[in-house]
Amino acid sequence: MSVLQKRVTLDCAPVIAFEVFTYDMAKWWPMETHSVSAGNATLPANLIVERKEGGRIVEIDSNGKSHLWGHFQIYQAPFRVLIAWHVNELPSRSTYIEVVFGMETNGKTIAVLTHGGWDVFGDEEEQKRADYDSGWDFVFGECYKNACQEASKEPAPVYEPKLQDTKTRKKFGRPNKGSVSDAVHLVH
């Protein structure tokens, strides 16, 4: 069976799109309708996203019980993630989700979600794929996209390097040979 693929075009940089997808997942994911707890007519207490290769995505229900949704097989910030996905399933019945973030020539970001591995479901393969097809339209195409649009309105953090004053330079001396500071001095 073919993979599902969803694309969204975003008015933010790829790094922001990546951060919203990973760092802010608990903020934008529609937990009230798309969670293990929702299936039990409750709201989860938390969603924990361990942002690293091998890191888990875990829902904590209102009773404190953990529900493992999946784990990151690849975590290449800010370009790509590959997730072994098994919400309400045993890990041996994982599908995979790959999300790739890239810059278009018009300055917008394209995020592409690919969901495959449906054969693990056997006879349920077609129904599971159909359920996820409409689910990703809402979760990725609406909730995630809206969160990225909101994030793009926030001012980007500004990094202002501190310049060493003469007093500090006299106290600490010249930077170590081969250091980044030394390299800056060589350029200037």
Protein backbone atom coordinates (compact mmCIF):
# COMPACT_ATOMS: atom_id res chain seq x y z
CA MET A 1 0.00 0.00 0.00
CA SER A 2 1.27 3.47 -0.80
CA VAL A 3 2.53 5.96 1.74
CA LEU A 4 0.52 8.98 2.84
CA GLN A 5 2.10 12.31 2.10
CA LYS A 6 0.96 15.70 3.37
CA ARG A 7 2.58 19.03 2.47
CA VAL A 8 2.15 22.39 4.09
CA THR A 9 3.62 25.71 3.03
CA LEU A 10 4.54 27.91 5.97
CA ASP A 11 5.38 31.60 6.41
CA CYS A 12 8.29 30.91 8.75
CA ALA A 13 11.89 29.73 8.52
CA PRO A 14 12.57 25.96 8.50
CA VAL A 15 14.19 26.21 11.95
CA ILE A 16 10.98 27.67 13.39
CA ALA A 17 8.86 25.03 11.62
CA PHE A 18 11.10 22.31 13.09
CA GLU A 19 10.95 23.81 16.58
CA VAL A 20 7.16 24.07 16.46
CA PHE A 21 6.89 20.45 15.33
CA THR A 22 9.20 19.10 18.03
CA TYR A 23 9.56 21.58 20.92
CA ASP A 24 5.96 22.79 20.83
CA MET A 25 4.14 19.56 19.94
CA ALA A 26 2.28 19.55 23.27
CA LYS A 27 0.95 23.03 22.47
CA TRP A 28 -0.42 22.39 18.98
CA TRP A 29 -1.36 18.71 19.00
CA PRO A 30 -5.18 18.38 19.33
CA MET A 31 -5.08 16.30 22.50
CA GLU A 32 -8.82 16.62 23.08
CA THR A 33 -9.54 14.60 19.92
CA HIS A 34 -6.30 12.84 18.91
CA SER A 35 -4.84 11.12 21.97
CA VAL A 36 -5.15 7.88 23.92
CA SER A 37 -6.96 9.82 26.64
CA ALA A 38 -9.50 11.20 24.15
CA GLY A 39 -10.46 7.59 23.39
CA ASN A 40 -11.33 7.30 27.09
CA ALA A 41 -13.27 10.60 27.10
CA THR A 42 -10.65 12.44 29.18
CA LEU A 43 -7.88 14.93 28.56
CA PRO A 44 -4.25 13.93 29.00
CA ALA A 45 -2.18 15.59 31.70
CA ASN A 46 0.87 16.04 29.48
CA LEU A 47 2.69 15.16 26.28
CA ILE A 48 6.43 14.64 26.65
CA VAL A 49 8.65 14.91 23.58
CA GLU A 50 12.27 13.87 24.12
CA ARG A 51 13.97 15.78 21.32
CA LYS A 52 16.87 13.52 20.38
CA GLU A 53 17.61 10.37 18.43
CA GLY A 54 16.05 7.53 20.42
CA GLY A 55 13.87 10.06 22.27
CA ARG A 56 10.30 9.10 23.06
CA ILE A 57 6.94 10.77 22.51
CA VAL A 58 4.85 9.92 25.57
CA GLU A 59 1.33 10.89 26.58
CA ILE A 60 0.66 11.04 30.33
CA ASP A 61 -3.01 10.48 31.10
CA SER A 62 -4.97 12.09 33.94
CA ASN A 63 -4.19 9.08 36.18
CA GLY A 64 -0.44 9.46 35.60
CA LYS A 65 -0.17 6.43 33.31
CA SER A 66 2.27 6.69 30.38
CA HIS A 67 1.25 5.86 26.80
CA LEU A 68 4.16 5.59 24.39
CA TRP A 69 3.26 7.04 20.98
CA GLY A 70 6.62 6.42 19.36
CA HIS A 71 10.28 7.37 19.31
CA PHE A 72 12.67 9.32 17.10
CA GLN A 73 14.76 7.02 14.94
CA ILE A 74 16.39 10.03 13.27
CA TYR A 75 16.53 13.53 14.74
CA GLN A 76 18.36 15.94 12.45
CA ALA A 77 17.51 19.42 13.67
CA PRO A 78 16.31 21.55 11.92
CA PHE A 79 15.92 19.46 8.75
CA ARG A 80 14.31 16.08 9.37
CA VAL A 81 12.82 13.63 11.83
CA LEU A 82 11.91 9.96 11.40
CA ILE A 83 9.55 8.56 14.01
CA ALA A 84 8.63 4.94 14.72
CA TRP A 85 4.91 5.55 15.35
CA HIS A 86 2.74 3.18 17.36
CA VAL A 87 -0.02 5.04 19.20
CA ASN A 88 -2.22 2.44 20.95
CA GLU A 89 -0.14 -0.33 19.35
CA LEU A 90 2.77 -2.52 20.37
CA PRO A 91 6.16 -1.22 19.17
CA SER A 92 6.34 -4.29 16.91
CA ARG A 93 3.40 -2.77 15.00
CA SER A 94 5.11 0.58 14.34
CA THR A 95 4.52 2.54 11.20
CA TYR A 96 6.91 5.36 10.36
CA ILE A 97 6.50 9.09 10.01
CA GLU A 98 9.15 11.19 8.30
CA VAL A 99 8.89 14.98 8.36
CA VAL A 100 11.28 17.04 6.23
CA PHE A 101 11.61 20.83 6.47
CA GLY A 102 13.01 22.89 3.59
CA MET A 103 13.16 26.44 2.29
CA GLU A 104 11.40 27.30 -0.95
CA THR A 105 12.81 29.89 -3.34
CA ASN A 106 10.08 32.38 -2.33
CA GLY A 107 11.31 32.38 1.29
CA LYS A 108 8.56 30.14 2.59
CA THR A 109 9.09 26.77 4.24
CA ILE A 110 7.68 23.54 2.93
CA ALA A 111 7.11 20.78 5.50
CA VAL A 112 6.43 17.32 4.08
CA LEU A 113 5.04 14.55 6.27
CA THR A 114 5.29 11.00 4.90
CA HIS A 115 3.55 8.17 6.78
CA GLY A 116 4.14 4.58 5.69
CA GLY A 117 4.66 1.02 6.84
CA TRP A 118 0.97 0.12 6.72
CA ASP A 119 1.63 -3.58 6.09
CA VAL A 120 2.14 -4.13 9.86
CA PHE A 121 -1.65 -3.94 10.22
CA GLY A 122 -2.46 -6.90 7.96
CA ASP A 123 -6.18 -6.94 7.19
CA GLU A 124 -6.66 -3.56 8.93
CA GLU A 125 -4.14 -1.86 6.61
CA GLU A 126 -6.63 -0.01 4.39
CA GLN A 127 -8.80 1.22 7.26
CA LYS A 128 -5.81 2.43 9.33
CA ARG A 129 -4.39 4.30 6.33
CA ALA A 130 -7.77 5.92 5.60
CA ASP A 131 -8.14 6.99 9.26
CA TYR A 132 -4.67 8.55 9.30
CA ASP A 133 -5.25 10.20 5.93
CA SER A 134 -8.09 12.33 7.27
CA GLY A 135 -6.40 12.63 10.67
CA TRP A 136 -3.21 14.15 9.22
CA ASP A 137 -5.30 16.64 7.21
CA PHE A 138 -6.51 18.04 10.52
CA VAL A 139 -3.48 17.48 12.78
CA PHE A 140 -0.72 18.46 10.32
CA GLY A 141 -2.62 20.48 7.74
CA GLU A 142 -4.55 22.63 10.22
CA CYS A 143 -3.27 22.42 13.81
CA TYR A 144 0.45 22.32 13.03
CA LYS A 145 0.18 24.85 10.22
CA ASN A 146 -1.76 27.29 12.44
CA ALA A 147 0.86 26.92 15.21
CA CYS A 148 3.62 27.76 12.71
CA GLN A 149 1.68 30.81 11.51
CA GLU A 150 1.40 32.01 15.13
CA ALA A 151 5.09 31.35 15.78
CA SER A 152 6.02 33.40 12.70
CA LYS A 153 4.32 36.46 14.24
CA GLU A 154 6.62 36.40 17.28
CA PRO A 155 9.81 38.38 16.97
CA ALA A 156 12.87 36.24 16.41
CA PRO A 157 15.38 36.32 19.27
CA VAL A 158 18.24 38.70 18.64
CA TYR A 159 21.75 37.66 19.50
CA GLU A 160 24.02 40.53 20.41
CA PRO A 161 27.61 39.45 21.02
CA LYS A 162 29.33 41.15 23.92
CA LEU A 163 32.49 42.95 23.04
CA GLN A 164 35.36 42.69 25.47
CA ASP A 165 36.31 46.00 26.98
CA THR A 166 39.94 46.99 27.52
CA LYS A 167 39.74 46.23 31.25
CA THR A 168 38.56 42.64 30.62
CA ARG A 169 41.20 42.11 27.93
CA LYS A 170 43.98 43.24 30.33
CA LYS A 171 42.64 40.98 33.10
CA PHE A 172 42.32 37.85 30.95
CA GLY A 173 44.92 38.54 28.29
CA ARG A 174 44.89 37.47 24.70
CA PRO A 175 42.63 34.54 23.73
CA ASN A 176 44.21 31.09 23.48
CA LYS A 177 45.92 30.43 20.18
CA GLY A 178 43.56 28.52 17.91
CA SER A 179 40.39 29.59 19.75
CA VAL A 180 37.36 31.04 18.01
CA SER A 181 38.21 34.41 19.56
CA ASP A 182 41.73 34.12 18.18
CA ALA A 183 40.31 33.33 14.74
CA VAL A 184 38.17 36.47 14.90
CA HIS A 185 41.28 38.50 15.75
CA LEU A 186 43.11 37.01 12.79
CA VAL A 187 40.30 38.01 10.44
CA HIS A 188 40.17 41.59 11.72
